[in-house]
Amino acid sequence: MKFVRFVFVLAVLAALGAAAAAYLWVNKPMALAAESVEVAVEQGTPPRAIAQAWVDAGVKTSPLFLYEYFRWSGQAKKIRAGSYEIGLNTTPAQLLNKMVRGDETLAVVRIIDGWTFKQVRAELAKADSLKPTTAKMSDRDIMAALGQPALAPEGRFYPDTYAYSKGSSDIAVLKRAFHAMQKRLDEAWAQRTQDTPLKSVDDALILASIVEKETGAAAERGKVAAVFVNRLRINMPLQTDPTVIYGMGDQFDGNLRKKDLVTDGPYNTYTRNGLPPTPISMPGKASLLAAVKPEPIKALYFVSRGDGTSEFSDNLNAHNKAVNQYQRGKP
């Protein structure tokens, strides 16, 4: 009888010892092969494979221990898909909690106000851990994938900073940027002045894209927009260089020549009245609002002062004087 009790006591002590050892292991920082280790967990990956992935990535522990802990905790099936990163001093318990919470490691990509769609595509192509789904797609294919096959992509993606889970698709980022632009455009259009010559939200987007490219000083967006709106009202050519440059595409070498201004094309606002057929850049919120709510001025012209600001004139005579003063150095 004493022997049975002795064996029972040993078993209890062994169990307590194992439990204590397990507790210490679960709450002890794991050794890593580098300062940080990252793993992408795909949807449906079994817990055993997740444990092995962490060890393969540089967590110096037993994959069996890690898996058994996931299973023993009762939370193995609650691990969420995503991209995760851990640093030094991370314990097995903290690792599991991170994956159960879905506390992913996010990367960001930024679309800059005034960029063209070509520049947006180039930025997405080099973004950190962003899956290049659109790499071999044409612009038309991309818009079709977004459910908008009839739309040109230019101007349709809102410039902002977009956070995404590493391993996400670039088309997913474009989809968010597309819907963000639709929302911002609708919000701006709802605030338009009653006498605007713009006939549609698309007109507003096109004009905003021109304002974005033409504005040197942010505070002058409303005045720049007013010049173009005033010209539209009297059917006067917009005569804006950025549209001509956009229409030239890769032929533009950095210098805009007189022959370029007289060569007719759909984006040449010197030879054609009205707005160009599509936007020429990705306008931000300020340019969208300026296009639909320009400042109440009568100016029809503006010229750069050379310091980032512009001189606005109501008539050609005043404009010519401003050109002489600021561009030719004549009083």
C-alpha atoms as a PDB file:
ATOM      1  CA  MET A   1       0.000   0.000   0.000  1.00  0.00           C
ATOM      2  CA  LYS A   2       2.844   2.337   0.861  1.00  0.00           C
ATOM      3  CA  PHE A   3       4.473   1.513  -2.485  1.00  0.00           C
ATOM      4  CA  VAL A   4       1.276   2.388  -4.417  1.00  0.00           C
ATOM      5  CA  ARG A   5       1.064   5.687  -2.598  1.00  0.00           C
ATOM      6  CA  PHE A   6       4.723   6.304  -3.384  1.00  0.00           C
ATOM      7  CA  VAL A   7       4.169   5.646  -7.108  1.00  0.00           C
ATOM      8  CA  PHE A   8       1.089   7.900  -7.078  1.00  0.00           C
ATOM      9  CA  VAL A   9       3.049  10.712  -5.441  1.00  0.00           C
ATOM     10  CA  LEU A  10       5.807  10.322  -8.046  1.00  0.00           C
ATOM     11  CA  ALA A  11       3.253  10.448 -10.852  1.00  0.00           C
ATOM     12  CA  VAL A  12       1.683  13.590  -9.429  1.00  0.00           C
ATOM     13  CA  LEU A  13       5.078  15.216  -9.017  1.00  0.00           C
ATOM     14  CA  ALA A  14       6.041  14.251 -12.565  1.00  0.00           C
ATOM     15  CA  ALA A  15       2.814  15.687 -13.884  1.00  0.00           C
ATOM     16  CA  LEU A  16       3.332  18.884 -11.920  1.00  0.00           C
ATOM     17  CA  GLY A  17       6.900  19.054 -13.157  1.00  0.00           C
ATOM     18  CA  ALA A  18       5.805  18.600 -16.753  1.00  0.00           C
ATOM     19  CA  ALA A  19       3.103  21.227 -16.340  1.00  0.00           C
ATOM     20  CA  ALA A  20       5.619  23.636 -14.823  1.00  0.00           C
ATOM     21  CA  ALA A  21       8.063  22.965 -17.640  1.00  0.00           C
ATOM     22  CA  ALA A  22       5.328  23.488 -20.218  1.00  0.00           C
ATOM     23  CA  TYR A  23       4.283  26.739 -18.560  1.00  0.00           C
ATOM     24  CA  LEU A  24       7.854  27.991 -18.562  1.00  0.00           C
ATOM     25  CA  TRP A  25       8.312  27.051 -22.247  1.00  0.00           C
ATOM     26  CA  VAL A  26       5.072  28.735 -23.334  1.00  0.00           C
ATOM     27  CA  ASN A  27       6.058  31.977 -21.626  1.00  0.00           C
ATOM     28  CA  LYS A  28       9.757  31.988 -22.431  1.00  0.00           C
ATOM     29  CA  PRO A  29      11.011  34.106 -25.368  1.00  0.00           C
ATOM     30  CA  MET A  30      11.956  31.971 -28.340  1.00  0.00           C
ATOM     31  CA  ALA A  31      15.367  32.244 -29.953  1.00  0.00           C
ATOM     32  CA  LEU A  32      15.281  33.618 -33.500  1.00  0.00           C
ATOM     33  CA  ALA A  33      17.710  33.334 -36.387  1.00  0.00           C
ATOM     34  CA  ALA A  34      17.371  37.101 -36.993  1.00  0.00           C
ATOM     35  CA  GLU A  35      15.999  40.183 -35.243  1.00  0.00           C
ATOM     36  CA  SER A  36      12.595  39.500 -36.784  1.00  0.00           C
ATOM     37  CA  VAL A  37      10.899  36.552 -38.448  1.00  0.00           C
ATOM     38  CA  GLU A  38       7.960  36.745 -40.828  1.00  0.00           C
ATOM     39  CA  VAL A  39       5.476  34.118 -42.014  1.00  0.00           C
ATOM     40  CA  ALA A  40       2.488  34.362 -44.343  1.00  0.00           C
ATOM     41  CA  VAL A  41      -0.362  32.063 -43.301  1.00  0.00           C
ATOM     42  CA  GLU A  42      -2.608  31.113 -46.203  1.00  0.00           C
ATOM     43  CA  GLN A  43      -6.293  30.398 -45.696  1.00  0.00           C
ATOM     44  CA  GLY A  44      -6.815  26.749 -44.734  1.00  0.00           C
ATOM     45  CA  THR A  45      -3.206  26.029 -43.706  1.00  0.00           C
ATOM     46  CA  PRO A  46      -3.241  23.275 -41.005  1.00  0.00           C
ATOM     47  CA  PRO A  47      -1.761  24.129 -37.579  1.00  0.00           C
ATOM     48  CA  ARG A  48       1.062  21.606 -37.972  1.00  0.00           C
ATOM     49  CA  ALA A  49       2.173  23.297 -41.213  1.00  0.00           C
ATOM     50  CA  ILE A  50       1.957  26.725 -39.559  1.00  0.00           C
ATOM     51  CA  ALA A  51       4.235  25.567 -36.733  1.00  0.00           C
ATOM     52  CA  GLN A  52       6.702  24.165 -39.253  1.00  0.00           C
ATOM     53  CA  ALA A  53       6.605  27.384 -41.273  1.00  0.00           C
ATOM     54  CA  TRP A  54       7.690  29.419 -38.251  1.00  0.00           C
ATOM     55  CA  VAL A  55      10.580  27.078 -37.577  1.00  0.00           C
ATOM     56  CA  ASP A  56      11.589  27.125 -41.255  1.00  0.00           C
ATOM     57  CA  ALA A  57      11.483  30.932 -41.201  1.00  0.00           C
ATOM     58  CA  GLY A  58      13.899  31.143 -38.271  1.00  0.00           C
ATOM     59  CA  VAL A  59      12.163  30.392 -34.959  1.00  0.00           C
ATOM     60  CA  LYS A  60      14.568  28.142 -33.071  1.00  0.00           C
ATOM     61  CA  THR A  61      12.268  25.695 -31.346  1.00  0.00           C
ATOM     62  CA  SER A  62      10.721  22.303 -31.945  1.00  0.00           C
ATOM     63  CA  PRO A  63       7.943  22.409 -34.554  1.00  0.00           C
ATOM     64  CA  LEU A  64       6.315  19.514 -32.677  1.00  0.00           C
ATOM     65  CA  PHE A  65       6.265  21.477 -29.407  1.00  0.00           C
ATOM     66  CA  LEU A  66       4.837  24.508 -31.221  1.00  0.00           C
ATOM     67  CA  TYR A  67       2.149  22.459 -32.924  1.00  0.00           C
ATOM     68  CA  GLU A  68       1.206  20.610 -29.728  1.00  0.00           C
ATOM     69  CA  TYR A  69       0.897  23.940 -27.935  1.00  0.00           C
ATOM     70  CA  PHE A  70      -1.376  25.310 -30.670  1.00  0.00           C
ATOM     71  CA  ARG A  71      -3.518  22.165 -30.382  1.00  0.00           C
ATOM     72  CA  TRP A  72      -3.473  21.960 -26.567  1.00  0.00           C
ATOM     73  CA  SER A  73      -4.494  25.626 -26.223  1.00  0.00           C
ATOM     74  CA  GLY A  74      -7.781  24.911 -28.001  1.00  0.00           C
ATOM     75  CA  GLN A  75      -7.171  27.866 -30.347  1.00  0.00           C
ATOM     76  CA  ALA A  76      -5.475  26.124 -33.252  1.00  0.00           C
ATOM     77  CA  LYS A  77      -8.587  26.402 -35.414  1.00  0.00           C
ATOM     78  CA  LYS A  78      -8.909  30.114 -34.596  1.00  0.00           C
ATOM     79  CA  ILE A  79      -5.636  31.069 -36.282  1.00  0.00           C
ATOM     80  CA  ARG A  80      -6.381  33.593 -39.018  1.00  0.00           C
ATOM     81  CA  ALA A  81      -4.805  33.847 -42.439  1.00  0.00           C
ATOM     82  CA  GLY A  82      -2.468  36.781 -42.850  1.00  0.00           C
ATOM     83  CA  SER A  83       1.101  38.023 -42.812  1.00  0.00           C
ATOM     84  CA  TYR A  84       2.726  37.980 -39.379  1.00  0.00           C
ATOM     85  CA  GLU A  85       6.045  39.210 -38.028  1.00  0.00           C
ATOM     86  CA  ILE A  86       7.592  38.623 -34.630  1.00  0.00           C
ATOM     87  CA  GLY A  87      10.701  40.058 -33.030  1.00  0.00           C
ATOM     88  CA  LEU A  88      13.076  39.116 -30.256  1.00  0.00           C
ATOM     89  CA  ASN A  89      11.517  38.335 -26.861  1.00  0.00           C
ATOM     90  CA  THR A  90       8.369  36.851 -28.430  1.00  0.00           C
ATOM     91  CA  THR A  91       6.998  33.872 -26.514  1.00  0.00           C
ATOM     92  CA  PRO A  92       4.977  30.969 -27.996  1.00  0.00           C
ATOM     93  CA  ALA A  93       1.922  32.349 -26.178  1.00  0.00           C
ATOM     94  CA  GLN A  94       2.405  35.792 -27.747  1.00  0.00           C
ATOM     95  CA  LEU A  95       2.909  34.254 -31.182  1.00  0.00           C
ATOM     96  CA  LEU A  96      -0.331  32.277 -30.960  1.00  0.00           C
ATOM     97  CA  ASN A  97      -2.269  35.265 -29.620  1.00  0.00           C
ATOM     98  CA  LYS A  98      -1.018  37.388 -32.524  1.00  0.00           C
ATOM     99  CA  MET A  99      -2.286  34.875 -35.090  1.00  0.00           C
ATOM    100  CA  VAL A 100      -5.603  34.346 -33.309  1.00  0.00           C
ATOM    101  CA  ARG A 101      -6.211  38.109 -33.145  1.00  0.00           C
ATOM    102  CA  GLY A 102      -5.245  38.496 -36.775  1.00  0.00           C
ATOM    103  CA  ASP A 103      -2.652  41.066 -35.741  1.00  0.00           C
ATOM    104  CA  GLU A 104      -1.046  41.176 -39.155  1.00  0.00           C
ATOM    105  CA  THR A 105       2.066  42.926 -40.360  1.00  0.00           C
ATOM    106  CA  LEU A 106       0.949  45.534 -42.861  1.00  0.00           C
ATOM    107  CA  ALA A 107       2.832  47.230 -45.651  1.00  0.00           C
ATOM    108  CA  VAL A 108       1.822  50.493 -47.317  1.00  0.00           C
ATOM    109  CA  VAL A 109       1.837  51.917 -50.817  1.00  0.00           C
ATOM    110  CA  ARG A 110       1.252  55.573 -51.606  1.00  0.00           C
ATOM    111  CA  ILE A 111      -0.438  57.092 -54.647  1.00  0.00           C
ATOM    112  CA  ILE A 112       0.648  60.719 -55.071  1.00  0.00           C
ATOM    113  CA  ASP A 113      -1.638  63.569 -56.153  1.00  0.00           C
ATOM    114  CA  GLY A 114      -1.062  64.333 -59.824  1.00  0.00           C
ATOM    115  CA  TRP A 115       0.372  60.943 -60.763  1.00  0.00           C
ATOM    116  CA  THR A 116      -0.671  59.290 -63.999  1.00  0.00           C
ATOM    117  CA  PHE A 117      -1.938  55.731 -64.100  1.00  0.00           C
ATOM    118  CA  LYS A 118       1.401  54.702 -65.598  1.00  0.00           C
ATOM    119  CA  GLN A 119       3.141  56.024 -62.486  1.00  0.00           C
ATOM    120  CA  VAL A 120       0.617  54.277 -60.234  1.00  0.00           C
ATOM    121  CA  ARG A 121       1.311  50.958 -61.950  1.00  0.00           C
ATOM    122  CA  ALA A 122       5.053  51.456 -61.578  1.00  0.00           C
ATOM    123  CA  GLU A 123       4.659  52.150 -57.850  1.00  0.00           C
ATOM    124  CA  LEU A 124       2.503  49.079 -57.311  1.00  0.00           C
ATOM    125  CA  ALA A 125       5.029  46.949 -59.178  1.00  0.00           C
ATOM    126  CA  LYS A 126       7.773  47.802 -56.684  1.00  0.00           C
ATOM    127  CA  ALA A 127       5.615  47.829 -53.538  1.00  0.00           C
ATOM    128  CA  ASP A 128       6.749  45.598 -50.679  1.00  0.00           C
ATOM    129  CA  SER A 129       5.231  42.089 -50.735  1.00  0.00           C
ATOM    130  CA  LEU A 130       2.354  43.094 -53.021  1.00  0.00           C
ATOM    131  CA  LYS A 131       1.339  40.304 -55.371  1.00  0.00           C
ATOM    132  CA  PRO A 132       1.734  41.602 -58.984  1.00  0.00           C
ATOM    133  CA  THR A 133      -1.542  40.255 -60.341  1.00  0.00           C
ATOM    134  CA  THR A 134      -1.767  43.038 -62.939  1.00  0.00           C
ATOM    135  CA  ALA A 135       1.825  42.718 -64.207  1.00  0.00           C
ATOM    136  CA  LYS A 136       0.812  41.187 -67.544  1.00  0.00           C
ATOM    137  CA  MET A 137      -2.569  42.892 -67.808  1.00  0.00           C
ATOM    138  CA  SER A 138      -3.326  45.811 -70.105  1.00  0.00           C
ATOM    139  CA  ASP A 139      -4.967  48.955 -68.749  1.00  0.00           C
ATOM    140  CA  ARG A 140      -8.210  47.783 -70.331  1.00  0.00           C
ATOM    141  CA  ASP A 141      -7.888  44.361 -68.683  1.00  0.00           C
ATOM    142  CA  ILE A 142      -7.396  45.999 -65.295  1.00  0.00           C
ATOM    143  CA  MET A 143     -10.521  48.121 -65.651  1.00  0.00           C
ATOM    144  CA  ALA A 144     -12.466  45.045 -66.772  1.00  0.00           C
ATOM    145  CA  ALA A 145     -11.247  43.214 -63.659  1.00  0.00           C
ATOM    146  CA  LEU A 146     -12.614  46.125 -61.615  1.00  0.00           C
ATOM    147  CA  GLY A 147     -15.972  45.784 -63.342  1.00  0.00           C
ATOM    148  CA  GLN A 148     -15.514  48.984 -65.372  1.00  0.00           C
ATOM    149  CA  PRO A 149     -14.507  47.859 -68.892  1.00  0.00           C
ATOM    150  CA  ALA A 150     -15.829  51.028 -70.528  1.00  0.00           C
ATOM    151  CA  LEU A 151     -13.752  53.420 -68.399  1.00  0.00           C
ATOM    152  CA  ALA A 152     -10.230  54.634 -69.078  1.00  0.00           C
ATOM    153  CA  PRO A 153      -8.116  54.213 -65.927  1.00  0.00           C
ATOM    154  CA  GLU A 154      -6.628  57.698 -65.889  1.00  0.00           C
ATOM    155  CA  GLY A 155      -7.839  59.792 -62.961  1.00  0.00           C
ATOM    156  CA  ARG A 156      -9.915  56.992 -61.473  1.00  0.00           C
ATOM    157  CA  PHE A 157      -7.755  56.123 -58.440  1.00  0.00           C
ATOM    158  CA  TYR A 158      -7.729  58.334 -55.390  1.00  0.00           C
ATOM    159  CA  PRO A 159      -4.278  59.483 -54.259  1.00  0.00           C
ATOM    160  CA  ASP A 160      -3.737  58.332 -50.688  1.00  0.00           C
ATOM    161  CA  THR A 161      -1.687  55.949 -48.550  1.00  0.00           C
ATOM    162  CA  TYR A 162      -3.068  52.401 -48.612  1.00  0.00           C
ATOM    163  CA  ALA A 163      -2.128  49.773 -46.017  1.00  0.00           C
ATOM    164  CA  TYR A 164      -2.378  46.136 -47.040  1.00  0.00           C
ATOM    165  CA  SER A 165      -1.526  42.691 -45.726  1.00  0.00           C
ATOM    166  CA  LYS A 166       1.702  41.405 -47.189  1.00  0.00           C
ATOM    167  CA  GLY A 167       0.905  38.955 -49.947  1.00  0.00           C
ATOM    168  CA  SER A 168      -2.222  40.856 -50.979  1.00  0.00           C
ATOM    169  CA  SER A 169      -2.953  41.422 -54.665  1.00  0.00           C
ATOM    170  CA  ASP A 170      -2.265  44.761 -56.337  1.00  0.00           C
ATOM    171  CA  ILE A 171      -5.733  44.561 -57.901  1.00  0.00           C
ATOM    172  CA  ALA A 172      -7.178  44.651 -54.366  1.00  0.00           C
ATOM    173  CA  VAL A 173      -5.345  47.934 -53.669  1.00  0.00           C
ATOM    174  CA  LEU A 174      -6.526  49.368 -56.989  1.00  0.00           C
ATOM    175  CA  LYS A 175     -10.087  48.384 -56.167  1.00  0.00           C
ATOM    176  CA  ARG A 176      -9.941  50.306 -52.892  1.00  0.00           C
ATOM    177  CA  ALA A 177      -8.393  53.333 -54.590  1.00  0.00           C
ATOM    178  CA  PHE A 178     -11.037  53.213 -57.332  1.00  0.00           C
ATOM    179  CA  HIS A 179     -13.928  53.185 -54.866  1.00  0.00           C
ATOM    180  CA  ALA A 180     -12.251  55.908 -52.802  1.00  0.00           C
ATOM    181  CA  MET A 181     -12.119  58.157 -55.872  1.00  0.00           C
ATOM    182  CA  GLN A 182     -15.756  57.450 -56.686  1.00  0.00           C
ATOM    183  CA  LYS A 183     -16.733  58.438 -53.143  1.00  0.00           C
ATOM    184  CA  ARG A 184     -14.636  61.621 -53.114  1.00  0.00           C
ATOM    185  CA  LEU A 185     -15.868  62.600 -56.568  1.00  0.00           C
ATOM    186  CA  ASP A 186     -19.519  62.121 -55.620  1.00  0.00           C
ATOM    187  CA  GLU A 187     -18.984  64.152 -52.435  1.00  0.00           C
ATOM    188  CA  ALA A 188     -17.393  66.979 -54.417  1.00  0.00           C
ATOM    189  CA  TRP A 189     -20.054  66.920 -57.146  1.00  0.00           C
ATOM    190  CA  ALA A 190     -22.759  67.313 -54.514  1.00  0.00           C
ATOM    191  CA  GLN A 191     -21.121  70.624 -53.526  1.00  0.00           C
ATOM    192  CA  ARG A 192     -20.909  72.069 -57.061  1.00  0.00           C
ATOM    193  CA  THR A 193     -21.992  75.634 -57.759  1.00  0.00           C
ATOM    194  CA  GLN A 194     -25.350  75.995 -59.456  1.00  0.00           C
ATOM    195  CA  ASP A 195     -23.951  77.808 -62.500  1.00  0.00           C
ATOM    196  CA  THR A 196     -21.120  75.408 -63.249  1.00  0.00           C
ATOM    197  CA  PRO A 197     -20.588  74.679 -66.969  1.00  0.00           C
ATOM    198  CA  LEU A 198     -19.544  71.140 -66.064  1.00  0.00           C
ATOM    199  CA  LYS A 199     -22.185  68.706 -67.269  1.00  0.00           C
ATOM    200  CA  SER A 200     -21.270  65.570 -65.302  1.00  0.00           C
ATOM    201  CA  VAL A 201     -19.107  64.079 -62.582  1.00  0.00           C
ATOM    202  CA  ASP A 202     -16.730  62.928 -65.309  1.00  0.00           C
ATOM    203  CA  ASP A 203     -16.330  66.526 -66.470  1.00  0.00           C
ATOM    204  CA  ALA A 204     -15.506  67.468 -62.887  1.00  0.00           C
ATOM    205  CA  LEU A 205     -12.895  64.712 -62.671  1.00  0.00           C
ATOM    206  CA  ILE A 206     -11.272  65.789 -65.941  1.00  0.00           C
ATOM    207  CA  LEU A 207     -11.102  69.440 -64.903  1.00  0.00           C
ATOM    208  CA  ALA A 208      -9.794  68.501 -61.441  1.00  0.00           C
ATOM    209  CA  SER A 209      -6.994  66.506 -63.055  1.00  0.00           C
ATOM    210  CA  ILE A 210      -5.963  69.580 -65.054  1.00  0.00           C
ATOM    211  CA  VAL A 211      -6.123  71.811 -61.980  1.00  0.00           C
ATOM    212  CA  GLU A 212      -3.919  69.288 -60.160  1.00  0.00           C
ATOM    213  CA  LYS A 213      -1.218  69.545 -62.824  1.00  0.00           C
ATOM    214  CA  GLU A 214      -1.470  73.313 -63.344  1.00  0.00           C
ATOM    215  CA  THR A 215      -1.411  74.498 -59.730  1.00  0.00           C
ATOM    216  CA  GLY A 216       1.933  75.620 -58.345  1.00  0.00           C
ATOM    217  CA  ALA A 217       0.727  76.954 -54.995  1.00  0.00           C
ATOM    218  CA  ALA A 218      -1.951  74.944 -53.172  1.00  0.00           C
ATOM    219  CA  ALA A 219      -3.808  78.094 -52.122  1.00  0.00           C
ATOM    220  CA  GLU A 220      -4.368  79.009 -55.774  1.00  0.00           C
ATOM    221  CA  ARG A 221      -6.293  75.904 -56.823  1.00  0.00           C
ATOM    222  CA  GLY A 222      -9.606  77.754 -56.675  1.00  0.00           C
ATOM    223  CA  LYS A 223      -8.280  80.550 -58.889  1.00  0.00           C
ATOM    224  CA  VAL A 224      -6.713  78.161 -61.414  1.00  0.00           C
ATOM    225  CA  ALA A 225     -10.009  76.272 -61.599  1.00  0.00           C
ATOM    226  CA  ALA A 226     -11.857  79.573 -62.054  1.00  0.00           C
ATOM    227  CA  VAL A 227      -9.775  80.450 -65.123  1.00  0.00           C
ATOM    228  CA  PHE A 228     -10.670  77.178 -66.828  1.00  0.00           C
ATOM    229  CA  VAL A 229     -14.321  77.353 -65.778  1.00  0.00           C
ATOM    230  CA  ASN A 230     -14.547  80.917 -67.107  1.00  0.00           C
ATOM    231  CA  ARG A 231     -13.057  79.780 -70.410  1.00  0.00           C
ATOM    232  CA  LEU A 232     -15.494  76.881 -70.665  1.00  0.00           C
ATOM    233  CA  ARG A 233     -18.384  79.292 -70.154  1.00  0.00           C
ATOM    234  CA  ILE A 234     -17.428  81.366 -73.216  1.00  0.00           C
ATOM    235  CA  ASN A 235     -16.229  78.406 -75.302  1.00  0.00           C
ATOM    236  CA  MET A 236     -12.638  79.624 -75.187  1.00  0.00           C
ATOM    237  CA  PRO A 237      -9.862  77.040 -75.608  1.00  0.00           C
ATOM    238  CA  LEU A 238      -8.375  75.961 -72.288  1.00  0.00           C
ATOM    239  CA  GLN A 239      -4.840  76.222 -73.729  1.00  0.00           C
ATOM    240  CA  THR A 240      -3.195  74.232 -70.961  1.00  0.00           C
ATOM    241  CA  ASP A 241       0.221  72.663 -71.524  1.00  0.00           C
ATOM    242  CA  PRO A 242      -0.250  69.596 -69.274  1.00  0.00           C
ATOM    243  CA  THR A 243      -2.991  68.204 -71.549  1.00  0.00           C
ATOM    244  CA  VAL A 244      -0.723  68.520 -74.593  1.00  0.00           C
ATOM    245  CA  ILE A 245       2.132  66.830 -72.709  1.00  0.00           C
ATOM    246  CA  TYR A 246      -0.173  64.033 -71.612  1.00  0.00           C
ATOM    247  CA  GLY A 247      -1.344  63.488 -75.187  1.00  0.00           C
ATOM    248  CA  MET A 248       2.254  63.230 -76.398  1.00  0.00           C
ATOM    249  CA  GLY A 249       2.919  60.298 -74.082  1.00  0.00           C
ATOM    250  CA  ASP A 250       6.436  58.888 -74.396  1.00  0.00           C
ATOM    251  CA  GLN A 251       7.201  61.317 -77.241  1.00  0.00           C
ATOM    252  CA  PHE A 252       7.509  64.144 -74.729  1.00  0.00           C
ATOM    253  CA  ASP A 253      11.215  64.700 -74.030  1.00  0.00           C
ATOM    254  CA  GLY A 254      10.870  67.364 -71.346  1.00  0.00           C
ATOM    255  CA  ASN A 255      10.606  70.298 -73.731  1.00  0.00           C
ATOM    256  CA  LEU A 256       7.291  71.544 -75.111  1.00  0.00           C
ATOM    257  CA  ARG A 257       7.790  73.222 -78.478  1.00  0.00           C
ATOM    258  CA  LYS A 258       5.599  75.466 -80.595  1.00  0.00           C
ATOM    259  CA  LYS A 259       5.077  72.658 -83.099  1.00  0.00           C
ATOM    260  CA  ASP A 260       3.657  70.520 -80.288  1.00  0.00           C
ATOM    261  CA  LEU A 261       1.101  73.207 -79.473  1.00  0.00           C
ATOM    262  CA  VAL A 262      -0.149  73.423 -83.072  1.00  0.00           C
ATOM    263  CA  THR A 263      -0.184  69.674 -83.751  1.00  0.00           C
ATOM    264  CA  ASP A 264      -3.820  68.683 -83.391  1.00  0.00           C
ATOM    265  CA  GLY A 265      -4.866  65.790 -81.181  1.00  0.00           C
ATOM    266  CA  PRO A 266      -7.614  64.855 -78.714  1.00  0.00           C
ATOM    267  CA  TYR A 267      -5.595  66.221 -75.778  1.00  0.00           C
ATOM    268  CA  ASN A 268      -4.427  69.417 -77.471  1.00  0.00           C
ATOM    269  CA  THR A 269      -6.468  72.112 -75.747  1.00  0.00           C
ATOM    270  CA  TYR A 270      -4.869  74.767 -77.953  1.00  0.00           C
ATOM    271  CA  THR A 271      -6.397  73.362 -81.145  1.00  0.00           C
ATOM    272  CA  ARG A 272      -9.629  72.026 -79.627  1.00  0.00           C
ATOM    273  CA  ASN A 273     -12.209  73.663 -77.400  1.00  0.00           C
ATOM    274  CA  GLY A 274     -13.640  72.082 -74.295  1.00  0.00           C
ATOM    275  CA  LEU A 275     -12.274  69.412 -72.004  1.00  0.00           C
ATOM    276  CA  PRO A 276     -10.002  66.575 -73.171  1.00  0.00           C
ATOM    277  CA  PRO A 277     -11.602  63.115 -73.485  1.00  0.00           C
ATOM    278  CA  THR A 278     -10.255  61.755 -70.182  1.00  0.00           C
ATOM    279  CA  PRO A 279      -8.512  62.997 -67.034  1.00  0.00           C
ATOM    280  CA  ILE A 280      -4.751  63.482 -67.304  1.00  0.00           C
ATOM    281  CA  SER A 281      -3.794  62.669 -63.694  1.00  0.00           C
ATOM    282  CA  MET A 282      -5.070  61.483 -60.329  1.00  0.00           C
ATOM    283  CA  PRO A 283      -6.506  64.588 -58.605  1.00  0.00           C
ATOM    284  CA  GLY A 284      -6.675  64.916 -54.841  1.00  0.00           C
ATOM    285  CA  LYS A 285      -9.570  66.165 -52.727  1.00  0.00           C
ATOM    286  CA  ALA A 286      -8.557  69.839 -52.933  1.00  0.00           C
ATOM    287  CA  SER A 287      -8.490  69.798 -56.737  1.00  0.00           C
ATOM    288  CA  LEU A 288     -11.827  67.978 -56.907  1.00  0.00           C
ATOM    289  CA  LEU A 289     -13.452  70.651 -54.756  1.00  0.00           C
ATOM    290  CA  ALA A 290     -11.763  73.475 -56.663  1.00  0.00           C
ATOM    291  CA  ALA A 291     -13.106  72.154 -59.960  1.00  0.00           C
ATOM    292  CA  VAL A 292     -16.716  72.220 -58.778  1.00  0.00           C
ATOM    293  CA  LYS A 293     -16.428  75.297 -56.502  1.00  0.00           C
ATOM    294  CA  PRO A 294     -13.911  77.650 -58.102  1.00  0.00           C
ATOM    295  CA  GLU A 295     -13.229  81.052 -56.629  1.00  0.00           C
ATOM    296  CA  PRO A 296     -15.655  83.740 -57.846  1.00  0.00           C
ATOM    297  CA  ILE A 297     -13.146  85.673 -59.975  1.00  0.00           C
ATOM    298  CA  LYS A 298     -13.349  86.800 -63.619  1.00  0.00           C
ATOM    299  CA  ALA A 299      -9.790  85.871 -64.591  1.00  0.00           C
ATOM    300  CA  LEU A 300      -9.234  84.253 -67.993  1.00  0.00           C
ATOM    301  CA  TYR A 301      -5.442  84.040 -67.838  1.00  0.00           C
ATOM    302  CA  PHE A 302      -2.631  83.235 -65.454  1.00  0.00           C
ATOM    303  CA  VAL A 303       1.132  83.150 -65.761  1.00  0.00           C
ATOM    304  CA  SER A 304       3.822  81.898 -63.406  1.00  0.00           C
ATOM    305  CA  ARG A 305       5.634  84.498 -61.339  1.00  0.00           C
ATOM    306  CA  GLY A 306       8.621  82.188 -61.079  1.00  0.00           C
ATOM    307  CA  ASP A 307       8.233  81.540 -57.362  1.00  0.00           C
ATOM    308  CA  GLY A 308       5.531  78.880 -57.527  1.00  0.00           C
ATOM    309  CA  THR A 309       2.667  81.366 -57.525  1.00  0.00           C
ATOM    310  CA  SER A 310       0.785  82.825 -60.492  1.00  0.00           C
ATOM    311  CA  GLU A 311      -0.431  86.212 -61.692  1.00  0.00           C
ATOM    312  CA  PHE A 312      -4.091  86.151 -62.707  1.00  0.00           C
ATOM    313  CA  SER A 313      -5.541  88.530 -65.291  1.00  0.00           C
ATOM    314  CA  ASP A 314      -9.068  89.308 -66.462  1.00  0.00           C
ATOM    315  CA  ASN A 315      -8.104  90.291 -70.014  1.00  0.00           C
ATOM    316  CA  LEU A 316      -5.438  89.683 -72.637  1.00  0.00           C
ATOM    317  CA  ASN A 317      -3.844  93.116 -72.312  1.00  0.00           C
ATOM    318  CA  ALA A 318      -3.237  92.644 -68.590  1.00  0.00           C
ATOM    319  CA  HIS A 319      -2.009  89.106 -69.226  1.00  0.00           C
ATOM    320  CA  ASN A 320       0.523  90.255 -71.835  1.00  0.00           C
ATOM    321  CA  LYS A 321       1.880  92.790 -69.344  1.00  0.00           C
ATOM    322  CA  ALA A 322       2.206  90.036 -66.745  1.00  0.00           C
ATOM    323  CA  VAL A 323       4.018  87.795 -69.240  1.00  0.00           C
ATOM    324  CA  ASN A 324       6.458  90.603 -70.044  1.00  0.00           C
ATOM    325  CA  GLN A 325       7.069  91.241 -66.361  1.00  0.00           C
ATOM    326  CA  TYR A 326       7.398  87.699 -65.053  1.00  0.00           C
ATOM    327  CA  GLN A 327       8.536  85.684 -68.067  1.00  0.00           C
ATOM    328  CA  ARG A 328      10.548  88.159 -70.137  1.00  0.00           C
ATOM    329  CA  GLY A 329      11.850  90.417 -67.395  1.00  0.00           C
ATOM    330  CA  LYS A 330      10.393  93.522 -68.972  1.00  0.00           C
ATOM    331  CA  PRO A 331       8.572  96.203 -66.928  1.00  0.00           C
END
